[in-house]
Amino acid sequence: MVVKRRLRRFLMPLALYCASGAVVAYFLHHANHGRRGAEVRRELKIKAYQLNQELEAAKVERHQWERRIALLRSDQIDRDLLEEQGRTMLGRVHRNDLVIITGP
């Protein structure tokens, strides 16, 4: 009987510590690797940063287009821009012009 009591006195706290350690390990694992864990949060921050960069680039491009459209809409049309647009649409180049192809 004495051996059983000593064994219980030793094994019961050990079992409780192991069970609570397993529960803590479970929650720590899911805190890092779960659906709302630290890794997913880091990936979402990276994706949000990339999307913000795309948004800024789109805003800059939109501002450039709005400026060009404003030049065509105003009372005094910018002749250089009008000539550039006409040559682009017609595919014509003056013989003294220098053509530099920058890409598509």
PDB file of N, CA and C in Angstrom:
ATOM      1  N   MET A   1       0.797  -1.185   0.000  1.00  0.00           N
ATOM      2  CA  MET A   1       0.000   0.000   0.000  1.00  0.00           C
ATOM      3  C   MET A   1       0.849   1.262   0.000  1.00  0.00           C
ATOM      4  N   VAL A   2       1.938   1.231   0.693  1.00  0.00           N
ATOM      5  CA  VAL A   2       2.789   2.396   0.788  1.00  0.00           C
ATOM      6  C   VAL A   2       3.383   2.718  -0.566  1.00  0.00           C
ATOM      7  N   VAL A   3       3.728   1.691  -1.335  1.00  0.00           N
ATOM      8  CA  VAL A   3       4.306   1.886  -2.660  1.00  0.00           C
ATOM      9  C   VAL A   3       3.275   2.517  -3.586  1.00  0.00           C
ATOM     10  N   LYS A   4       2.021   2.094  -3.523  1.00  0.00           N
ATOM     11  CA  LYS A   4       0.969   2.645  -4.376  1.00  0.00           C
ATOM     12  C   LYS A   4       0.741   4.127  -4.053  1.00  0.00           C
ATOM     13  N   ARG A   5       0.764   4.472  -2.759  1.00  0.00           N
ATOM     14  CA  ARG A   5       0.558   5.866  -2.392  1.00  0.00           C
ATOM     15  C   ARG A   5       1.709   6.733  -2.894  1.00  0.00           C
ATOM     16  N   ARG A   6       2.934   6.251  -2.729  1.00  0.00           N
ATOM     17  CA  ARG A   6       4.083   7.008  -3.218  1.00  0.00           C
ATOM     18  C   ARG A   6       4.064   7.123  -4.739  1.00  0.00           C
ATOM     19  N   LEU A   7       3.662   6.040  -5.388  1.00  0.00           N
ATOM     20  CA  LEU A   7       3.576   6.066  -6.843  1.00  0.00           C
ATOM     21  C   LEU A   7       2.502   7.046  -7.302  1.00  0.00           C
ATOM     22  N   ARG A   8       1.345   7.039  -6.631  1.00  0.00           N
ATOM     23  CA  ARG A   8       0.282   7.991  -6.968  1.00  0.00           C
ATOM     24  C   ARG A   8       0.728   9.426  -6.682  1.00  0.00           C
ATOM     25  N   ARG A   9       1.408   9.634  -5.573  1.00  0.00           N
ATOM     26  CA  ARG A   9       1.878  10.955  -5.218  1.00  0.00           C
ATOM     27  C   ARG A   9       2.844  11.495  -6.266  1.00  0.00           C
ATOM     28  N   PHE A  10       3.541  10.627  -6.931  1.00  0.00           N
ATOM     29  CA  PHE A  10       4.488  11.028  -7.973  1.00  0.00           C
ATOM     30  C   PHE A  10       3.824  11.097  -9.352  1.00  0.00           C
ATOM     31  N   LEU A  11       2.989  10.113  -9.680  1.00  0.00           N
ATOM     32  CA  LEU A  11       2.409  10.026 -11.030  1.00  0.00           C
ATOM     33  C   LEU A  11       1.267  11.018 -11.275  1.00  0.00           C
ATOM     34  N   MET A  12       0.458  11.326 -10.288  1.00  0.00           N
ATOM     35  CA  MET A  12      -0.664  12.233 -10.502  1.00  0.00           C
ATOM     36  C   MET A  12      -0.205  13.639 -10.897  1.00  0.00           C
ATOM     37  N   PRO A  13       0.718  14.257 -10.164  1.00  0.00           N
ATOM     38  CA  PRO A  13       1.195  15.573 -10.622  1.00  0.00           C
ATOM     39  C   PRO A  13       1.905  15.497 -11.964  1.00  0.00           C
ATOM     40  N   LEU A  14       2.643  14.398 -12.196  1.00  0.00           N
ATOM     41  CA  LEU A  14       3.327  14.238 -13.479  1.00  0.00           C
ATOM     42  C   LEU A  14       2.319  14.160 -14.622  1.00  0.00           C
ATOM     43  N   ALA A  15       1.233  13.427 -14.424  1.00  0.00           N
ATOM     44  CA  ALA A  15       0.191  13.315 -15.453  1.00  0.00           C
ATOM     45  C   ALA A  15      -0.485  14.668 -15.681  1.00  0.00           C
ATOM     46  N   LEU A  16      -0.748  15.406 -14.620  1.00  0.00           N
ATOM     47  CA  LEU A  16      -1.364  16.719 -14.766  1.00  0.00           C
ATOM     48  C   LEU A  16      -0.441  17.691 -15.493  1.00  0.00           C
ATOM     49  N   TYR A  17       0.840  17.658 -15.161  1.00  0.00           N
ATOM     50  CA  TYR A  17       1.796  18.526 -15.859  1.00  0.00           C
ATOM     51  C   TYR A  17       1.908  18.150 -17.340  1.00  0.00           C
ATOM     52  N   CYS A  18       1.907  16.865 -17.623  1.00  0.00           N
ATOM     53  CA  CYS A  18       1.975  16.425 -19.030  1.00  0.00           C
ATOM     54  C   CYS A  18       0.719  16.849 -19.793  1.00  0.00           C
ATOM     55  N   ALA A  19      -0.443  16.695 -19.181  1.00  0.00           N
ATOM     56  CA  ALA A  19      -1.695  17.073 -19.847  1.00  0.00           C
ATOM     57  C   ALA A  19      -1.741  18.581 -20.076  1.00  0.00           C
ATOM     58  N   SER A  20      -1.383  19.364 -19.062  1.00  0.00           N
ATOM     59  CA  SER A  20      -1.410  20.820 -19.244  1.00  0.00           C
ATOM     60  C   SER A  20      -0.344  21.262 -20.242  1.00  0.00           C
ATOM     61  N   GLY A  21       0.806  20.600 -20.270  1.00  0.00           N
ATOM     62  CA  GLY A  21       1.835  20.893 -21.272  1.00  0.00           C
ATOM     63  C   GLY A  21       1.353  20.598 -22.680  1.00  0.00           C
ATOM     64  N   ALA A  22       0.599  19.488 -22.820  1.00  0.00           N
ATOM     65  CA  ALA A  22       0.063  19.143 -24.141  1.00  0.00           C
ATOM     66  C   ALA A  22      -0.962  20.182 -24.599  1.00  0.00           C
ATOM     67  N   VAL A  23      -1.803  20.658 -23.672  1.00  0.00           N
ATOM     68  CA  VAL A  23      -2.801  21.673 -24.030  1.00  0.00           C
ATOM     69  C   VAL A  23      -2.108  22.975 -24.437  1.00  0.00           C
ATOM     70  N   VAL A  24      -1.098  23.377 -23.688  1.00  0.00           N
ATOM     71  CA  VAL A  24      -0.355  24.600 -24.016  1.00  0.00           C
ATOM     72  C   VAL A  24       0.347  24.441 -25.357  1.00  0.00           C
ATOM     73  N   ALA A  25       0.953  23.271 -25.601  1.00  0.00           N
ATOM     74  CA  ALA A  25       1.625  23.026 -26.880  1.00  0.00           C
ATOM     75  C   ALA A  25       0.629  23.085 -28.042  1.00  0.00           C
ATOM     76  N   TYR A  26      -0.573  22.548 -27.834  1.00  0.00           N
ATOM     77  CA  TYR A  26      -1.609  22.587 -28.865  1.00  0.00           C
ATOM     78  C   TYR A  26      -1.963  24.033 -29.229  1.00  0.00           C
ATOM     79  N   PHE A  27      -2.201  24.851 -28.214  1.00  0.00           N
ATOM     80  CA  PHE A  27      -2.575  26.238 -28.478  1.00  0.00           C
ATOM     81  C   PHE A  27      -1.419  27.044 -29.063  1.00  0.00           C
ATOM     82  N   LEU A  28      -0.201  26.784 -28.625  1.00  0.00           N
ATOM     83  CA  LEU A  28       0.953  27.481 -29.204  1.00  0.00           C
ATOM     84  C   LEU A  28       1.141  27.110 -30.672  1.00  0.00           C
ATOM     85  N   HIS A  29       0.946  25.838 -30.983  1.00  0.00           N
ATOM     86  CA  HIS A  29       1.075  25.413 -32.385  1.00  0.00           C
ATOM     87  C   HIS A  29       0.053  26.135 -33.258  1.00  0.00           C
ATOM     88  N   HIS A  30      -1.188  26.184 -32.795  1.00  0.00           N
ATOM     89  CA  HIS A  30      -2.224  26.839 -33.596  1.00  0.00           C
ATOM     90  C   HIS A  30      -2.085  28.360 -33.597  1.00  0.00           C
ATOM     91  N   ALA A  31      -1.443  28.916 -32.581  1.00  0.00           N
ATOM     92  CA  ALA A  31      -1.201  30.354 -32.579  1.00  0.00           C
ATOM     93  C   ALA A  31      -0.182  30.728 -33.648  1.00  0.00           C
ATOM     94  N   ASN A  32       0.715  29.824 -33.987  1.00  0.00           N
ATOM     95  CA  ASN A  32       1.712  30.099 -35.020  1.00  0.00           C
ATOM     96  C   ASN A  32       1.273  29.632 -36.397  1.00  0.00           C
ATOM     97  N   HIS A  33       0.683  28.453 -36.488  1.00  0.00           N
ATOM     98  CA  HIS A  33       0.421  27.837 -37.789  1.00  0.00           C
ATOM     99  C   HIS A  33      -1.060  27.736 -38.151  1.00  0.00           C
ATOM    100  N   GLY A  34      -1.946  28.229 -37.323  1.00  0.00           N
ATOM    101  CA  GLY A  34      -3.376  28.098 -37.571  1.00  0.00           C
ATOM    102  C   GLY A  34      -3.882  29.070 -38.626  1.00  0.00           C
ATOM    103  N   ARG A  35      -5.210  29.045 -38.830  1.00  0.00           N
ATOM    104  CA  ARG A  35      -5.834  29.922 -39.833  1.00  0.00           C
ATOM    105  C   ARG A  35      -5.627  31.390 -39.522  1.00  0.00           C
ATOM    106  N   ARG A  36      -5.537  31.732 -38.258  1.00  0.00           N
ATOM    107  CA  ARG A  36      -5.342  33.131 -37.852  1.00  0.00           C
ATOM    108  C   ARG A  36      -4.026  33.284 -37.111  1.00  0.00           C
ATOM    109  N   GLY A  37      -3.053  32.460 -37.447  1.00  0.00           N
ATOM    110  CA  GLY A  37      -1.784  32.455 -36.736  1.00  0.00           C
ATOM    111  C   GLY A  37      -0.829  33.542 -37.200  1.00  0.00           C
ATOM    112  N   ALA A  38       0.347  33.510 -36.599  1.00  0.00           N
ATOM    113  CA  ALA A  38       1.356  34.536 -36.868  1.00  0.00           C
ATOM    114  C   ALA A  38       1.874  34.462 -38.302  1.00  0.00           C
ATOM    115  N   GLU A  39       2.035  33.255 -38.833  1.00  0.00           N
ATOM    116  CA  GLU A  39       2.536  33.125 -40.210  1.00  0.00           C
ATOM    117  C   GLU A  39       1.537  33.679 -41.219  1.00  0.00           C
ATOM    118  N   VAL A  40       0.272  33.386 -41.016  1.00  0.00           N
ATOM    119  CA  VAL A  40      -0.763  33.893 -41.930  1.00  0.00           C
ATOM    120  C   VAL A  40      -0.848  35.406 -41.838  1.00  0.00           C
ATOM    121  N   ARG A  41      -0.730  35.939 -40.622  1.00  0.00           N
ATOM    122  CA  ARG A  41      -0.760  37.390 -40.447  1.00  0.00           C
ATOM    123  C   ARG A  41       0.405  38.051 -41.175  1.00  0.00           C
ATOM    124  N   ARG A  42       1.587  37.434 -41.100  1.00  0.00           N
ATOM    125  CA  ARG A  42       2.765  37.969 -41.793  1.00  0.00           C
ATOM    126  C   ARG A  42       2.544  37.950 -43.308  1.00  0.00           C
ATOM    127  N   GLU A  43       2.003  36.845 -43.830  1.00  0.00           N
ATOM    128  CA  GLU A  43       1.721  36.763 -45.267  1.00  0.00           C
ATOM    129  C   GLU A  43       0.691  37.809 -45.691  1.00  0.00           C
ATOM    130  N   LEU A  44      -0.324  38.025 -44.863  1.00  0.00           N
ATOM    131  CA  LEU A  44      -1.341  39.026 -45.199  1.00  0.00           C
ATOM    132  C   LEU A  44      -0.763  40.437 -45.190  1.00  0.00           C
ATOM    133  N   LYS A  45       0.164  40.713 -44.273  1.00  0.00           N
ATOM    134  CA  LYS A  45       0.801  42.033 -44.263  1.00  0.00           C
ATOM    135  C   LYS A  45       1.626  42.244 -45.521  1.00  0.00           C
ATOM    136  N   ILE A  46       2.336  41.197 -45.970  1.00  0.00           N
ATOM    137  CA  ILE A  46       3.124  41.302 -47.196  1.00  0.00           C
ATOM    138  C   ILE A  46       2.209  41.532 -48.388  1.00  0.00           C
ATOM    139  N   LYS A  47       1.105  40.794 -48.444  1.00  0.00           N
ATOM    140  CA  LYS A  47       0.164  40.947 -49.549  1.00  0.00           C
ATOM    141  C   LYS A  47      -0.472  42.343 -49.536  1.00  0.00           C
ATOM    142  N   ALA A  48      -0.800  42.844 -48.356  1.00  0.00           N
ATOM    143  CA  ALA A  48      -1.374  44.189 -48.251  1.00  0.00           C
ATOM    144  C   ALA A  48      -0.371  45.240 -48.709  1.00  0.00           C
ATOM    145  N   TYR A  49       0.899  45.053 -48.362  1.00  0.00           N
ATOM    146  CA  TYR A  49       1.933  45.996 -48.801  1.00  0.00           C
ATOM    147  C   TYR A  49       2.053  45.989 -50.319  1.00  0.00           C
ATOM    148  N   GLN A  50       2.039  44.789 -50.924  1.00  0.00           N
ATOM    149  CA  GLN A  50       2.129  44.700 -52.386  1.00  0.00           C
ATOM    150  C   GLN A  50       0.919  45.343 -53.043  1.00  0.00           C
ATOM    151  N   LEU A  51      -0.251  45.120 -52.494  1.00  0.00           N
ATOM    152  CA  LEU A  51      -1.456  45.722 -53.066  1.00  0.00           C
ATOM    153  C   LEU A  51      -1.432  47.241 -52.923  1.00  0.00           C
ATOM    154  N   ASN A  52      -0.897  47.747 -51.825  1.00  0.00           N
ATOM    155  CA  ASN A  52      -0.767  49.196 -51.671  1.00  0.00           C
ATOM    156  C   ASN A  52       0.206  49.768 -52.696  1.00  0.00           C
ATOM    157  N   GLN A  53       1.281  49.033 -52.989  1.00  0.00           N
ATOM    158  CA  GLN A  53       2.217  49.483 -54.015  1.00  0.00           C
ATOM    159  C   GLN A  53       1.538  49.530 -55.383  1.00  0.00           C
ATOM    160  N   GLU A  54       0.747  48.511 -55.702  1.00  0.00           N
ATOM    161  CA  GLU A  54       0.000  48.503 -56.962  1.00  0.00           C
ATOM    162  C   GLU A  54      -0.985  49.666 -57.013  1.00  0.00           C
ATOM    163  N   LEU A  55      -1.637  49.934 -55.887  1.00  0.00           N
ATOM    164  CA  LEU A  55      -2.593  51.038 -55.831  1.00  0.00           C
ATOM    165  C   LEU A  55      -1.902  52.371 -56.086  1.00  0.00           C
ATOM    166  N   GLU A  56      -0.752  52.581 -55.478  1.00  0.00           N
ATOM    167  CA  GLU A  56      -0.013  53.827 -55.690  1.00  0.00           C
ATOM    168  C   GLU A  56       0.411  53.967 -57.152  1.00  0.00           C
ATOM    169  N   ALA A  57       0.868  52.868 -57.766  1.00  0.00           N
ATOM    170  CA  ALA A  57       1.257  52.910 -59.174  1.00  0.00           C
ATOM    171  C   ALA A  57       0.043  53.234 -60.053  1.00  0.00           C
ATOM    172  N   ALA A  58      -1.109  52.654 -59.733  1.00  0.00           N
ATOM    173  CA  ALA A  58      -2.322  52.936 -60.501  1.00  0.00           C
ATOM    174  C   ALA A  58      -2.755  54.390 -60.336  1.00  0.00           C
ATOM    175  N   LYS A  59      -2.596  54.928 -59.122  1.00  0.00           N
ATOM    176  CA  LYS A  59      -2.951  56.340 -58.897  1.00  0.00           C
ATOM    177  C   LYS A  59      -2.050  57.269 -59.706  1.00  0.00           C
ATOM    178  N   VAL A  60      -0.763  56.943 -59.753  1.00  0.00           N
ATOM    179  CA  VAL A  60       0.170  57.771 -60.528  1.00  0.00           C
ATOM    180  C   VAL A  60      -0.192  57.714 -62.009  1.00  0.00           C
ATOM    181  N   GLU A  61      -0.468  56.508 -62.508  1.00  0.00           N
ATOM    182  CA  GLU A  61      -0.830  56.358 -63.922  1.00  0.00           C
ATOM    183  C   GLU A  61      -2.133  57.104 -64.224  1.00  0.00           C
ATOM    184  N   ARG A  62      -3.098  57.002 -63.312  1.00  0.00           N
ATOM    185  CA  ARG A  62      -4.361  57.702 -63.518  1.00  0.00           C
ATOM    186  C   ARG A  62      -4.145  59.212 -63.542  1.00  0.00           C
ATOM    187  N   HIS A  63      -3.308  59.717 -62.650  1.00  0.00           N
ATOM    188  CA  HIS A  63      -3.018  61.149 -62.625  1.00  0.00           C
ATOM    189  C   HIS A  63      -2.382  61.591 -63.937  1.00  0.00           C
ATOM    190  N   GLN A  64      -1.467  60.787 -64.476  1.00  0.00           N
ATOM    191  CA  GLN A  64      -0.836  61.133 -65.751  1.00  0.00           C
ATOM    192  C   GLN A  64      -1.868  61.171 -66.878  1.00  0.00           C
ATOM    193  N   TRP A  65      -2.756  60.181 -66.903  1.00  0.00           N
ATOM    194  CA  TRP A  65      -3.784  60.161 -67.953  1.00  0.00           C
ATOM    195  C   TRP A  65      -4.753  61.333 -67.794  1.00  0.00           C
ATOM    196  N   GLU A  66      -5.117  61.651 -66.572  1.00  0.00           N
ATOM    197  CA  GLU A  66      -6.025  62.788 -66.367  1.00  0.00           C
ATOM    198  C   GLU A  66      -5.382  64.093 -66.822  1.00  0.00           C
ATOM    199  N   ARG A  67      -4.082  64.228 -66.581  1.00  0.00           N
ATOM    200  CA  ARG A  67      -3.381  65.433 -67.024  1.00  0.00           C
ATOM    201  C   ARG A  67      -3.373  65.513 -68.551  1.00  0.00           C
ATOM    202  N   ARG A  68      -3.114  64.384 -69.215  1.00  0.00           N
ATOM    203  CA  ARG A  68      -3.104  64.388 -70.684  1.00  0.00           C
ATOM    204  C   ARG A  68      -4.494  64.660 -71.254  1.00  0.00           C
ATOM    205  N   ILE A  69      -5.508  64.088 -70.634  1.00  0.00           N
ATOM    206  CA  ILE A  69      -6.875  64.319 -71.105  1.00  0.00           C
ATOM    207  C   ILE A  69      -7.267  65.778 -70.884  1.00  0.00           C
ATOM    208  N   ALA A  70      -6.834  66.350 -69.783  1.00  0.00           N
ATOM    209  CA  ALA A  70      -7.136  67.757 -69.523  1.00  0.00           C
ATOM    210  C   ALA A  70      -6.499  68.647 -70.582  1.00  0.00           C
ATOM    211  N   LEU A  71      -5.329  68.265 -71.082  1.00  0.00           N
ATOM    212  CA  LEU A  71      -4.696  69.053 -72.146  1.00  0.00           C
ATOM    213  C   LEU A  71      -5.507  68.991 -73.438  1.00  0.00           C
ATOM    214  N   LEU A  72      -6.153  67.863 -73.693  1.00  0.00           N
ATOM    215  CA  LEU A  72      -6.969  67.746 -74.899  1.00  0.00           C
ATOM    216  C   LEU A  72      -8.347  68.387 -74.737  1.00  0.00           C
ATOM    217  N   ARG A  73      -8.854  68.484 -73.527  1.00  0.00           N
ATOM    218  CA  ARG A  73     -10.187  69.016 -73.302  1.00  0.00           C
ATOM    219  C   ARG A  73     -10.229  70.535 -73.144  1.00  0.00           C
ATOM    220  N   SER A  74      -9.139  71.124 -72.852  1.00  0.00           N
ATOM    221  CA  SER A  74      -9.163  72.553 -72.527  1.00  0.00           C
ATOM    222  C   SER A  74      -9.547  73.390 -73.754  1.00  0.00           C
ATOM    223  N   ASP A  75      -9.782  74.683 -73.523  1.00  0.00           N
ATOM    224  CA  ASP A  75     -10.142  75.593 -74.606  1.00  0.00           C
ATOM    225  C   ASP A  75      -9.008  75.704 -75.614  1.00  0.00           C
ATOM    226  N   GLN A  76      -7.816  75.715 -75.139  1.00  0.00           N
ATOM    227  CA  GLN A  76      -6.635  75.789 -75.996  1.00  0.00           C
ATOM    228  C   GLN A  76      -5.993  74.401 -76.036  1.00  0.00           C
ATOM    229  N   ILE A  77      -6.155  73.692 -77.142  1.00  0.00           N
ATOM    230  CA  ILE A  77      -5.618  72.341 -77.271  1.00  0.00           C
ATOM    231  C   ILE A  77      -4.106  72.422 -77.458  1.00  0.00           C
ATOM    232  N   ASP A  78      -3.403  71.554 -76.742  1.00  0.00           N
ATOM    233  CA  ASP A  78      -1.948  71.488 -76.855  1.00  0.00           C
ATOM    234  C   ASP A  78      -1.606  70.885 -78.229  1.00  0.00           C
ATOM    235  N   ARG A  79      -0.988  71.666 -79.089  1.00  0.00           N
ATOM    236  CA  ARG A  79      -0.726  71.230 -80.467  1.00  0.00           C
ATOM    237  C   ARG A  79       0.260  70.077 -80.528  1.00  0.00           C
ATOM    238  N   ASP A  80       1.256  70.088 -79.665  1.00  0.00           N
ATOM    239  CA  ASP A  80       2.221  68.986 -79.678  1.00  0.00           C
ATOM    240  C   ASP A  80       1.556  67.661 -79.334  1.00  0.00           C
ATOM    241  N   LEU A  81       0.696  67.681 -78.342  1.00  0.00           N
ATOM    242  CA  LEU A  81      -0.003  66.466 -77.952  1.00  0.00           C
ATOM    243  C   LEU A  81      -0.965  66.018 -79.045  1.00  0.00           C
ATOM    244  N   LEU A  82      -1.645  66.959 -79.657  1.00  0.00           N
ATOM    245  CA  LEU A  82      -2.553  66.632 -80.748  1.00  0.00           C
ATOM    246  C   LEU A  82      -1.802  66.023 -81.922  1.00  0.00           C
ATOM    247  N   GLU A  83      -0.639  66.587 -82.257  1.00  0.00           N
ATOM    248  CA  GLU A  83       0.166  66.053 -83.352  1.00  0.00           C
ATOM    249  C   GLU A  83       0.672  64.651 -83.013  1.00  0.00           C
ATOM    250  N   GLU A  84       1.082  64.469 -81.776  1.00  0.00           N
ATOM    251  CA  GLU A  84       1.570  63.151 -81.355  1.00  0.00           C
ATOM    252  C   GLU A  84       0.467  62.101 -81.464  1.00  0.00           C
ATOM    253  N   GLN A  85      -0.732  62.458 -81.011  1.00  0.00           N
ATOM    254  CA  GLN A  85      -1.848  61.530 -81.085  1.00  0.00           C
ATOM    255  C   GLN A  85      -2.227  61.222 -82.532  1.00  0.00           C
ATOM    256  N   GLY A  86      -2.223  62.230 -83.372  1.00  0.00           N
ATOM    257  CA  GLY A  86      -2.547  62.015 -84.779  1.00  0.00           C
ATOM    258  C   GLY A  86      -1.530  61.113 -85.456  1.00  0.00           C
ATOM    259  N   ARG A  87      -0.271  61.335 -85.206  1.00  0.00           N
ATOM    260  CA  ARG A  87       0.761  60.483 -85.819  1.00  0.00           C
ATOM    261  C   ARG A  87       0.672  59.053 -85.301  1.00  0.00           C
ATOM    262  N   THR A  88       0.356  58.905 -84.046  1.00  0.00           N
ATOM    263  CA  THR A  88       0.232  57.561 -83.488  1.00  0.00           C
ATOM    264  C   THR A  88      -0.937  56.823 -84.130  1.00  0.00           C
ATOM    265  N   MET A  89      -2.054  57.509 -84.282  1.00  0.00           N
ATOM    266  CA  MET A  89      -3.233  56.866 -84.865  1.00  0.00           C
ATOM    267  C   MET A  89      -3.035  56.559 -86.343  1.00  0.00           C
ATOM    268  N   LEU A  90      -2.389  57.447 -87.064  1.00  0.00           N
ATOM    269  CA  LEU A  90      -2.203  57.241 -88.497  1.00  0.00           C
ATOM    270  C   LEU A  90      -0.970  56.406 -88.826  1.00  0.00           C
ATOM    271  N   GLY A  91      -0.070  56.281 -87.876  1.00  0.00           N
ATOM    272  CA  GLY A  91       1.150  55.517 -88.124  1.00  0.00           C
ATOM    273  C   GLY A  91       2.110  56.250 -89.050  1.00  0.00           C
ATOM    274  N   ARG A  92       2.113  57.565 -89.008  1.00  0.00           N
ATOM    275  CA  ARG A  92       2.973  58.377 -89.882  1.00  0.00           C
ATOM    276  C   ARG A  92       4.083  59.024 -89.083  1.00  0.00           C
ATOM    277  N   VAL A  93       5.234  59.202 -89.752  1.00  0.00           N
ATOM    278  CA  VAL A  93       6.371  59.871 -89.133  1.00  0.00           C
ATOM    279  C   VAL A  93       6.942  60.844 -90.153  1.00  0.00           C
ATOM    280  N   HIS A  94       7.281  62.032 -89.699  1.00  0.00           N
ATOM    281  CA  HIS A  94       7.923  63.010 -90.576  1.00  0.00           C
ATOM    282  C   HIS A  94       9.341  62.539 -90.861  1.00  0.00           C
ATOM    283  N   ARG A  95       9.876  62.880 -92.026  1.00  0.00           N
ATOM    284  CA  ARG A  95      11.187  62.363 -92.413  1.00  0.00           C
ATOM    285  C   ARG A  95      12.323  62.891 -91.535  1.00  0.00           C
ATOM    286  N   ASN A  96      12.141  64.024 -90.871  1.00  0.00           N
ATOM    287  CA  ASN A  96      13.171  64.572 -89.999  1.00  0.00           C
ATOM    288  C   ASN A  96      13.020  64.127 -88.544  1.00  0.00           C
ATOM    289  N   ASP A  97      11.998  63.345 -88.253  1.00  0.00           N
ATOM    290  CA  ASP A  97      11.757  62.898 -86.868  1.00  0.00           C
ATOM    291  C   ASP A  97      12.678  61.749 -86.519  1.00  0.00           C
ATOM    292  N   LEU A  98      13.062  61.713 -85.270  1.00  0.00           N
ATOM    293  CA  LEU A  98      13.838  60.611 -84.719  1.00  0.00           C
ATOM    294  C   LEU A  98      12.899  59.752 -83.913  1.00  0.00           C
ATOM    295  N   VAL A  99      12.791  58.469 -84.268  1.00  0.00           N
ATOM    296  CA  VAL A  99      11.869  57.552 -83.607  1.00  0.00           C
ATOM    297  C   VAL A  99      12.673  56.686 -82.636  1.00  0.00           C
ATOM    298  N   ILE A 100      12.262  56.698 -81.368  1.00  0.00           N
ATOM    299  CA  ILE A 100      12.880  55.867 -80.346  1.00  0.00           C
ATOM    300  C   ILE A 100      11.809  54.926 -79.819  1.00  0.00           C
ATOM    301  N   ILE A 101      11.991  53.641 -80.029  1.00  0.00           N
ATOM    302  CA  ILE A 101      11.012  52.645 -79.596  1.00  0.00           C
ATOM    303  C   ILE A 101      11.376  52.222 -78.179  1.00  0.00           C
ATOM    304  N   THR A 102      10.450  52.458 -77.241  1.00  0.00           N
ATOM    305  CA  THR A 102      10.725  52.159 -75.839  1.00  0.00           C
ATOM    306  C   THR A 102      10.058  50.874 -75.377  1.00  0.00           C
ATOM    307  N   GLY A 103       9.246  50.264 -76.148  1.00  0.00           N
ATOM    308  CA  GLY A 103       8.573  49.024 -75.744  1.00  0.00           C
ATOM    309  C   GLY A 103       7.122  49.058 -76.131  1.00  0.00           C
ATOM    310  N   PRO A 104       6.395  48.029 -75.720  1.00  0.00           N
ATOM    311  CA  PRO A 104       4.976  47.960 -76.093  1.00  0.00           C
ATOM    312  C   PRO A 104       4.147  49.013 -75.391  1.00  0.00           C
TER     313      PRO A 104
END
